[in-house]
Amino acid sequence: VKWRVPLTEALRQVPQGDYTLETWIRTTHLDRGTLMGNHYNAATPNGVVNFEFFGTNNVRLYQRNLSGAITDMNRLATNVNTRNGQWHHVAGIREGSTMRLYVDGQEVGSTNTPLGNYTLSSDYLYLGRDERTAVAFKGEMGESRVWMRALSTNELAEIVAFGVPGSDALSKDDLLAEYDLHAPFNASKPWTGWPGYRILLGAPKLGR
């Protein structure tokens, strides 16, 4: 199954420092959907990073550390309608103690997080859903990447300038995982009743 990637030691260390989760999406669905993350239902252990769509035009970056403390940043994207069926680029970034959300290269919100460094728990990092099938993303996803650094506003602008998935503008320095999709995939399979968990992905190219 290629919609989930085993949490290797390198992937577990994502919230040990700065990171960026970024992806291209296209949808008209007006409800919650997980773009990537490892959230699961067990009360312990903790150690979660989830990147989501929420509500009719919100983007969300959620962290929960090993002691169960949470920073939940859920912001309305006022610069564009992300559910209009067009391609949009979204990014969730942590840089030091600051978390930021971007849509099409523009910041839509930031917050301070006191959670510090921790490792990810559970067994997998998911794309297009998390361990819970009820919050699968209903739409298409293009290139999706996990970086071990905070991308700058200028770097995000370089990605967005291409207008659709496929830009290879940035250096791959500190790129941990890339889902380099030759064609966008549909994360929802409504005709089978399997939302989000049978997704054809190219093999991930691990930067490390």
C-alpha atoms as a PDB file:
ATOM      1  CA  VAL A   1       0.000   0.000   0.000  1.00  0.00           C
ATOM      2  CA  LYS A   2       1.588   3.229  -1.168  1.00  0.00           C
ATOM      3  CA  TRP A   3      -0.651   5.741   0.579  1.00  0.00           C
ATOM      4  CA  ARG A   4       1.238   5.181   3.805  1.00  0.00           C
ATOM      5  CA  VAL A   5       4.978   5.280   4.470  1.00  0.00           C
ATOM      6  CA  PRO A   6       6.547   3.463   7.432  1.00  0.00           C
ATOM      7  CA  LEU A   7       7.829   5.936   9.981  1.00  0.00           C
ATOM      8  CA  THR A   8      11.552   5.393   9.575  1.00  0.00           C
ATOM      9  CA  GLU A   9      13.885   6.908  12.123  1.00  0.00           C
ATOM     10  CA  ALA A  10      14.427   9.916   9.846  1.00  0.00           C
ATOM     11  CA  LEU A  11      10.699  10.555   9.403  1.00  0.00           C
ATOM     12  CA  ARG A  12      10.095  10.193  13.131  1.00  0.00           C
ATOM     13  CA  GLN A  13      12.524  13.062  13.717  1.00  0.00           C
ATOM     14  CA  VAL A  14      10.535  15.592  11.636  1.00  0.00           C
ATOM     15  CA  PRO A  15       9.305  17.580  14.686  1.00  0.00           C
ATOM     16  CA  GLN A  16      12.788  17.557  16.237  1.00  0.00           C
ATOM     17  CA  GLY A  17      13.479  20.872  14.503  1.00  0.00           C
ATOM     18  CA  ASP A  18      12.266  23.097  11.684  1.00  0.00           C
ATOM     19  CA  TYR A  19      10.125  21.422   9.021  1.00  0.00           C
ATOM     20  CA  THR A  20       7.803  22.076   6.084  1.00  0.00           C
ATOM     21  CA  LEU A  21       4.879  19.988   4.843  1.00  0.00           C
ATOM     22  CA  GLU A  22       3.687  21.129   1.411  1.00  0.00           C
ATOM     23  CA  THR A  23       1.432  19.805  -1.310  1.00  0.00           C
ATOM     24  CA  TRP A  24      -0.683  20.730  -4.324  1.00  0.00           C
ATOM     25  CA  ILE A  25      -4.425  20.079  -4.032  1.00  0.00           C
ATOM     26  CA  ARG A  26      -7.563  20.417  -6.133  1.00  0.00           C
ATOM     27  CA  THR A  27     -11.042  19.912  -4.676  1.00  0.00           C
ATOM     28  CA  THR A  28     -14.593  21.229  -4.429  1.00  0.00           C
ATOM     29  CA  HIS A  29     -15.358  19.334  -1.209  1.00  0.00           C
ATOM     30  CA  LEU A  30     -16.356  21.672   1.635  1.00  0.00           C
ATOM     31  CA  ASP A  31     -15.511  19.551   4.636  1.00  0.00           C
ATOM     32  CA  ARG A  32     -12.556  18.327   6.628  1.00  0.00           C
ATOM     33  CA  GLY A  33      -9.822  16.270   4.992  1.00  0.00           C
ATOM     34  CA  THR A  34      -6.318  15.248   6.087  1.00  0.00           C
ATOM     35  CA  LEU A  35      -3.592  16.039   3.553  1.00  0.00           C
ATOM     36  CA  MET A  36      -0.793  14.265   5.417  1.00  0.00           C
ATOM     37  CA  GLY A  37      -0.107  13.186   8.955  1.00  0.00           C
ATOM     38  CA  ASN A  38       0.143  10.412  11.497  1.00  0.00           C
ATOM     39  CA  HIS A  39      -2.795  11.165  13.829  1.00  0.00           C
ATOM     40  CA  TYR A  40      -4.303   8.124  15.463  1.00  0.00           C
ATOM     41  CA  ASN A  41      -6.898   7.412  18.112  1.00  0.00           C
ATOM     42  CA  ALA A  42      -4.836   5.850  20.887  1.00  0.00           C
ATOM     43  CA  ALA A  43      -4.571   8.085  23.952  1.00  0.00           C
ATOM     44  CA  THR A  44      -0.896   7.170  24.418  1.00  0.00           C
ATOM     45  CA  PRO A  45       1.724   7.366  23.139  1.00  0.00           C
ATOM     46  CA  ASN A  46       1.417  10.793  21.555  1.00  0.00           C
ATOM     47  CA  GLY A  47       3.697  12.496  19.022  1.00  0.00           C
ATOM     48  CA  VAL A  48       1.613  13.817  16.110  1.00  0.00           C
ATOM     49  CA  VAL A  49       1.908  16.229  13.189  1.00  0.00           C
ATOM     50  CA  ASN A  50      -1.178  16.588  10.974  1.00  0.00           C
ATOM     51  CA  PHE A  51      -1.719  18.926   8.016  1.00  0.00           C
ATOM     52  CA  GLU A  52      -5.389  19.312   7.057  1.00  0.00           C
ATOM     53  CA  PHE A  53      -8.192  21.140   5.337  1.00  0.00           C
ATOM     54  CA  PHE A  54     -10.908  22.088   7.805  1.00  0.00           C
ATOM     55  CA  GLY A  55     -14.352  23.591   7.299  1.00  0.00           C
ATOM     56  CA  THR A  56     -15.224  25.374   4.070  1.00  0.00           C
ATOM     57  CA  ASN A  57     -11.947  27.252   3.502  1.00  0.00           C
ATOM     58  CA  ASN A  58      -9.633  26.661   6.468  1.00  0.00           C
ATOM     59  CA  VAL A  59      -6.151  25.163   6.574  1.00  0.00           C
ATOM     60  CA  ARG A  60      -4.908  23.488   9.734  1.00  0.00           C
ATOM     61  CA  LEU A  61      -1.536  22.446  11.207  1.00  0.00           C
ATOM     62  CA  TYR A  62      -1.828  20.327  14.340  1.00  0.00           C
ATOM     63  CA  GLN A  63       0.954  19.224  16.690  1.00  0.00           C
ATOM     64  CA  ARG A  64       0.763  16.994  19.786  1.00  0.00           C
ATOM     65  CA  ASN A  65       3.930  16.155  21.701  1.00  0.00           C
ATOM     66  CA  LEU A  66       4.822  13.061  23.708  1.00  0.00           C
ATOM     67  CA  SER A  67       3.270  14.406  26.915  1.00  0.00           C
ATOM     68  CA  GLY A  68      -0.018  15.170  25.128  1.00  0.00           C
ATOM     69  CA  ALA A  69       0.342  18.968  24.890  1.00  0.00           C
ATOM     70  CA  ILE A  70      -1.267  20.390  21.734  1.00  0.00           C
ATOM     71  CA  THR A  71      -0.770  23.350  19.408  1.00  0.00           C
ATOM     72  CA  ASP A  72      -3.689  23.512  16.983  1.00  0.00           C
ATOM     73  CA  MET A  73      -3.464  26.244  14.324  1.00  0.00           C
ATOM     74  CA  ASN A  74      -6.636  26.414  12.237  1.00  0.00           C
ATOM     75  CA  ARG A  75      -6.889  29.460   9.955  1.00  0.00           C
ATOM     76  CA  LEU A  76      -9.309  30.753   7.337  1.00  0.00           C
ATOM     77  CA  ALA A  77      -7.669  31.341   3.945  1.00  0.00           C
ATOM     78  CA  THR A  78      -8.928  34.809   3.032  1.00  0.00           C
ATOM     79  CA  ASN A  79      -6.749  35.255  -0.068  1.00  0.00           C
ATOM     80  CA  VAL A  80      -8.371  32.571  -2.233  1.00  0.00           C
ATOM     81  CA  ASN A  81     -11.162  30.003  -2.344  1.00  0.00           C
ATOM     82  CA  THR A  82      -9.243  26.767  -1.944  1.00  0.00           C
ATOM     83  CA  ARG A  83     -12.317  24.651  -2.708  1.00  0.00           C
ATOM     84  CA  ASN A  84     -13.019  26.031  -6.209  1.00  0.00           C
ATOM     85  CA  GLY A  85     -11.751  23.020  -8.158  1.00  0.00           C
ATOM     86  CA  GLN A  86      -8.532  24.763  -9.241  1.00  0.00           C
ATOM     87  CA  TRP A  87      -4.980  23.794  -8.292  1.00  0.00           C
ATOM     88  CA  HIS A  88      -3.696  25.411  -5.096  1.00  0.00           C
ATOM     89  CA  HIS A  89      -0.476  25.017  -3.167  1.00  0.00           C
ATOM     90  CA  VAL A  90      -0.623  24.774   0.630  1.00  0.00           C
ATOM     91  CA  ALA A  91       2.204  24.608   3.158  1.00  0.00           C
ATOM     92  CA  GLY A  92       2.469  24.107   6.909  1.00  0.00           C
ATOM     93  CA  ILE A  93       5.751  25.225   8.451  1.00  0.00           C
ATOM     94  CA  ARG A  94       7.380  25.207  11.857  1.00  0.00           C
ATOM     95  CA  GLU A  95      10.402  27.456  12.306  1.00  0.00           C
ATOM     96  CA  GLY A  96      11.749  27.532  15.839  1.00  0.00           C
ATOM     97  CA  SER A  97       8.752  28.174  18.091  1.00  0.00           C
ATOM     98  CA  THR A  98       6.582  29.634  15.296  1.00  0.00           C
ATOM     99  CA  MET A  99       4.089  27.736  13.143  1.00  0.00           C
ATOM    100  CA  ARG A 100       2.842  29.245   9.863  1.00  0.00           C
ATOM    101  CA  LEU A 101       0.294  28.343   7.205  1.00  0.00           C
ATOM    102  CA  TYR A 102       0.513  29.379   3.550  1.00  0.00           C
ATOM    103  CA  VAL A 103      -1.908  29.165   0.640  1.00  0.00           C
ATOM    104  CA  ASP A 104      -0.583  29.894  -2.857  1.00  0.00           C
ATOM    105  CA  GLY A 105       2.557  31.397  -1.349  1.00  0.00           C
ATOM    106  CA  GLN A 106       0.757  33.851   0.945  1.00  0.00           C
ATOM    107  CA  GLU A 107       0.782  33.523   4.711  1.00  0.00           C
ATOM    108  CA  VAL A 108      -2.708  33.015   6.134  1.00  0.00           C
ATOM    109  CA  GLY A 109      -1.768  32.701   9.783  1.00  0.00           C
ATOM    110  CA  SER A 110       0.904  32.054  12.393  1.00  0.00           C
ATOM    111  CA  THR A 111       1.087  31.112  16.046  1.00  0.00           C
ATOM    112  CA  ASN A 112       3.620  30.395  18.764  1.00  0.00           C
ATOM    113  CA  THR A 113       4.117  26.778  19.813  1.00  0.00           C
ATOM    114  CA  PRO A 114       5.708  25.837  23.148  1.00  0.00           C
ATOM    115  CA  LEU A 115       5.830  22.106  22.410  1.00  0.00           C
ATOM    116  CA  GLY A 116       9.555  21.841  21.734  1.00  0.00           C
ATOM    117  CA  ASN A 117      11.149  18.849  20.026  1.00  0.00           C
ATOM    118  CA  TYR A 118       9.580  15.385  20.004  1.00  0.00           C
ATOM    119  CA  THR A 119       9.368  12.319  17.812  1.00  0.00           C
ATOM    120  CA  LEU A 120       6.399  11.031  15.815  1.00  0.00           C
ATOM    121  CA  SER A 121       4.537   8.021  17.182  1.00  0.00           C
ATOM    122  CA  SER A 122       2.546   5.200  15.594  1.00  0.00           C
ATOM    123  CA  ASP A 123       3.731   3.201  12.566  1.00  0.00           C
ATOM    124  CA  TYR A 124       3.015   5.262   9.442  1.00  0.00           C
ATOM    125  CA  LEU A 125       2.978   8.699   7.875  1.00  0.00           C
ATOM    126  CA  TYR A 126      -0.083   8.942   5.638  1.00  0.00           C
ATOM    127  CA  LEU A 127      -0.855  10.946   2.517  1.00  0.00           C
ATOM    128  CA  GLY A 128      -4.454  11.905   1.734  1.00  0.00           C
ATOM    129  CA  ARG A 129      -5.680  10.701   5.138  1.00  0.00           C
ATOM    130  CA  ASP A 130      -4.314   9.601   8.489  1.00  0.00           C
ATOM    131  CA  GLU A 131      -4.927   6.430  10.489  1.00  0.00           C
ATOM    132  CA  ARG A 132      -8.621   7.396  10.637  1.00  0.00           C
ATOM    133  CA  THR A 133     -10.460   6.779   7.359  1.00  0.00           C
ATOM    134  CA  ALA A 134     -13.259   9.173   8.339  1.00  0.00           C
ATOM    135  CA  VAL A 135     -11.089  12.252   7.696  1.00  0.00           C
ATOM    136  CA  ALA A 136      -9.656  11.301   4.303  1.00  0.00           C
ATOM    137  CA  PHE A 137      -9.090  14.179   1.875  1.00  0.00           C
ATOM    138  CA  LYS A 138     -11.682  14.190  -0.906  1.00  0.00           C
ATOM    139  CA  GLY A 139      -9.971  15.609  -3.959  1.00  0.00           C
ATOM    140  CA  GLU A 140      -6.797  15.394  -5.998  1.00  0.00           C
ATOM    141  CA  MET A 141      -3.250  15.821  -4.757  1.00  0.00           C
ATOM    142  CA  GLY A 142      -0.144  16.576  -6.769  1.00  0.00           C
ATOM    143  CA  GLU A 143       3.488  16.688  -5.622  1.00  0.00           C
ATOM    144  CA  SER A 144       3.789  16.419  -1.858  1.00  0.00           C
ATOM    145  CA  ARG A 145       6.982  16.955   0.101  1.00  0.00           C
ATOM    146  CA  VAL A 146       8.371  16.762   3.631  1.00  0.00           C
ATOM    147  CA  TRP A 147      11.326  19.082   4.303  1.00  0.00           C
ATOM    148  CA  MET A 148      13.658  19.115   7.301  1.00  0.00           C
ATOM    149  CA  ARG A 149      13.770  22.908   7.206  1.00  0.00           C
ATOM    150  CA  ALA A 150      11.415  25.875   7.026  1.00  0.00           C
ATOM    151  CA  LEU A 151      10.946  26.976   3.427  1.00  0.00           C
ATOM    152  CA  SER A 152      11.153  30.739   2.978  1.00  0.00           C
ATOM    153  CA  THR A 153       8.435  32.926   1.486  1.00  0.00           C
ATOM    154  CA  ASN A 154      10.597  33.337  -1.611  1.00  0.00           C
ATOM    155  CA  GLU A 155      10.972  29.583  -1.996  1.00  0.00           C
ATOM    156  CA  LEU A 156       7.223  29.072  -1.694  1.00  0.00           C
ATOM    157  CA  ALA A 157       6.719  31.763  -4.331  1.00  0.00           C
ATOM    158  CA  GLU A 158       9.028  29.847  -6.681  1.00  0.00           C
ATOM    159  CA  ILE A 159       6.924  26.714  -6.270  1.00  0.00           C
ATOM    160  CA  VAL A 160       3.634  28.573  -6.714  1.00  0.00           C
ATOM    161  CA  ALA A 161       4.835  30.518  -9.767  1.00  0.00           C
ATOM    162  CA  PHE A 162       4.575  27.350 -11.841  1.00  0.00           C
ATOM    163  CA  GLY A 163       0.795  27.457 -11.284  1.00  0.00           C
ATOM    164  CA  VAL A 164       0.216  23.696 -11.282  1.00  0.00           C
ATOM    165  CA  PRO A 165       1.992  20.647  -9.818  1.00  0.00           C
ATOM    166  CA  GLY A 166       5.304  19.921 -11.460  1.00  0.00           C
ATOM    167  CA  SER A 167       7.671  22.723 -10.477  1.00  0.00           C
ATOM    168  CA  ASP A 168      11.172  21.526  -9.680  1.00  0.00           C
ATOM    169  CA  ALA A 169      12.473  24.991  -8.865  1.00  0.00           C
ATOM    170  CA  LEU A 170      14.074  24.368  -5.489  1.00  0.00           C
ATOM    171  CA  SER A 171      17.284  22.691  -4.455  1.00  0.00           C
ATOM    172  CA  LYS A 172      16.618  19.330  -2.839  1.00  0.00           C
ATOM    173  CA  ASP A 173      18.772  20.195   0.189  1.00  0.00           C
ATOM    174  CA  ASP A 174      17.069  18.947   3.366  1.00  0.00           C
ATOM    175  CA  LEU A 175      14.260  17.298   1.378  1.00  0.00           C
ATOM    176  CA  LEU A 176      13.362  14.220   3.430  1.00  0.00           C
ATOM    177  CA  ALA A 177      10.578  12.674   1.352  1.00  0.00           C
ATOM    178  CA  GLU A 178       9.013  13.541  -2.008  1.00  0.00           C
ATOM    179  CA  TYR A 179       5.915  11.984  -3.531  1.00  0.00           C
ATOM    180  CA  ASP A 180       6.746  12.836  -7.115  1.00  0.00           C
ATOM    181  CA  LEU A 181       3.511  12.034  -8.892  1.00  0.00           C
ATOM    182  CA  HIS A 182       3.663  11.682 -12.650  1.00  0.00           C
ATOM    183  CA  ALA A 183      -0.071  12.387 -12.709  1.00  0.00           C
ATOM    184  CA  PRO A 184      -2.368  13.704  -9.964  1.00  0.00           C
ATOM    185  CA  PHE A 185      -4.365  11.077  -8.140  1.00  0.00           C
ATOM    186  CA  ASN A 186      -7.891  11.112  -6.859  1.00  0.00           C
ATOM    187  CA  ALA A 187      -7.753  10.626  -3.103  1.00  0.00           C
ATOM    188  CA  SER A 188     -11.468   9.808  -2.956  1.00  0.00           C
ATOM    189  CA  LYS A 189     -12.936   6.637  -4.459  1.00  0.00           C
ATOM    190  CA  PRO A 190     -16.662   7.296  -4.056  1.00  0.00           C
ATOM    191  CA  TRP A 191     -17.718   4.587  -6.482  1.00  0.00           C
ATOM    192  CA  THR A 192     -16.080   1.946  -4.295  1.00  0.00           C
ATOM    193  CA  GLY A 193     -16.930   3.417  -0.907  1.00  0.00           C
ATOM    194  CA  TRP A 194     -13.244   3.577   0.053  1.00  0.00           C
ATOM    195  CA  PRO A 195     -12.462   7.228   0.759  1.00  0.00           C
ATOM    196  CA  GLY A 196      -8.816   8.003   0.496  1.00  0.00           C
ATOM    197  CA  TYR A 197      -7.072   4.759   1.251  1.00  0.00           C
ATOM    198  CA  ARG A 198      -6.437   3.200  -2.135  1.00  0.00           C
ATOM    199  CA  ILE A 199      -4.156   5.746  -3.738  1.00  0.00           C
ATOM    200  CA  LEU A 200      -1.694   5.046  -6.521  1.00  0.00           C
ATOM    201  CA  LEU A 201       1.549   6.807  -5.677  1.00  0.00           C
ATOM    202  CA  GLY A 202       4.951   6.667  -7.296  1.00  0.00           C
ATOM    203  CA  ALA A 203       7.578   5.238  -5.017  1.00  0.00           C
ATOM    204  CA  PRO A 204       8.762   7.919  -2.581  1.00  0.00           C
ATOM    205  CA  LYS A 205      12.183   9.325  -3.299  1.00  0.00           C
ATOM    206  CA  LEU A 206      13.853   9.702   0.077  1.00  0.00           C
ATOM    207  CA  GLY A 207      16.285  12.575   0.329  1.00  0.00           C
ATOM    208  CA  ARG A 208      18.156  10.751   3.084  1.00  0.00           C
END
